[in-house]
Protein backbone atom coordinates (compact mmCIF):
# COMPACT_ATOMS: atom_id res chain seq x y z
CA MET A 1 68.66 12.09 126.44
CA VAL A 2 65.17 13.53 126.12
CA ARG A 3 62.30 11.15 126.79
CA ASN A 4 60.04 10.53 123.81
CA ASN A 5 56.39 10.20 124.91
CA SER A 6 55.28 8.72 121.57
CA ILE A 7 57.58 5.80 122.05
CA ASP A 8 56.35 5.29 125.61
CA ILE A 9 52.77 5.15 124.41
CA CYS A 10 53.72 2.64 121.71
CA ARG A 11 55.60 0.60 124.32
CA LEU A 12 52.49 0.41 126.50
CA PHE A 13 50.33 -0.66 123.50
CA PHE A 14 52.82 -3.33 122.34
CA ALA A 15 53.49 -4.58 125.91
CA TYR A 16 49.79 -5.45 125.94
CA GLY A 17 50.35 -7.25 122.65
CA VAL A 18 53.16 -9.35 124.08
CA VAL A 19 50.88 -10.45 126.94
CA ALA A 20 48.18 -11.25 124.44
CA ILE A 21 50.56 -13.48 122.45
CA HIS A 22 51.13 -15.69 125.52
CA ASN A 23 47.52 -15.64 126.48
CA THR A 24 44.19 -16.86 125.09
CA LEU A 25 42.73 -13.36 125.30
CA PHE A 26 41.54 -13.10 121.71
CA VAL A 27 40.56 -16.77 121.25
CA GLU A 28 37.54 -16.29 123.48
CA LEU A 29 36.15 -13.67 121.03
CA GLY A 30 35.64 -16.26 118.37
CA GLU A 31 37.68 -18.19 115.80
CA ASN A 32 38.10 -15.34 113.29
CA TRP A 33 38.74 -12.67 115.91
CA GLY A 34 41.15 -14.99 117.69
CA TYR A 35 43.19 -15.37 114.52
CA VAL A 36 43.17 -11.65 113.74
CA GLY A 37 43.98 -10.71 117.32
CA THR A 38 46.70 -13.27 117.94
CA TYR A 39 48.40 -13.61 114.57
CA LEU A 40 47.97 -10.21 112.94
CA PHE A 41 47.48 -7.60 115.69
CA THR A 42 50.00 -8.81 118.24
CA ARG A 43 52.79 -10.08 116.00
CA PHE A 44 54.19 -6.58 115.65
CA SER A 45 54.95 -6.42 119.38
CA VAL A 46 58.20 -8.40 119.58
CA PRO A 47 59.79 -6.81 116.46
CA PHE A 48 58.89 -3.37 117.79
CA PHE A 49 60.73 -3.98 121.05
CA PHE A 50 63.65 -5.48 119.20
CA ILE A 51 63.95 -2.46 116.88
CA VAL A 52 63.42 0.13 119.59
CA SER A 53 65.98 -1.51 121.89
CA GLY A 54 68.52 -1.64 119.06
CA TYR A 55 67.91 2.02 118.16
CA PHE A 56 68.51 3.20 121.75
CA PHE A 57 71.47 0.87 122.19
CA PHE A 58 73.28 2.19 119.11
CA LYS A 59 72.33 5.73 119.94
CA LYS A 60 73.99 5.38 123.31
CA CYS A 61 77.01 3.66 121.67
CA ASN A 62 77.41 6.56 119.26
CA LYS A 63 77.33 9.03 122.17
CA PHE A 64 80.55 7.48 123.57
CA ASN A 65 82.20 6.87 120.19
CA ILE A 66 85.56 8.51 119.70
CA LYS A 67 86.21 9.43 116.09
CA ASN A 68 89.73 9.09 114.72
CA ASN A 69 90.98 11.81 112.42
């Protein structure tokens, strides 16, 4: 399987978002920025990893799938 650099860059970006969810990183910037940073910016991180993991899991499953004729 060929490595996709775009997905790797997104993984790095969203891994930072997962850390920020469990941290008070954005709260120190102020009330409004804390809300935007924690609840809007970083909430795409977990679904991203879920979707990407499922994509690669099923892609690998299809590789070993034997079709019946």
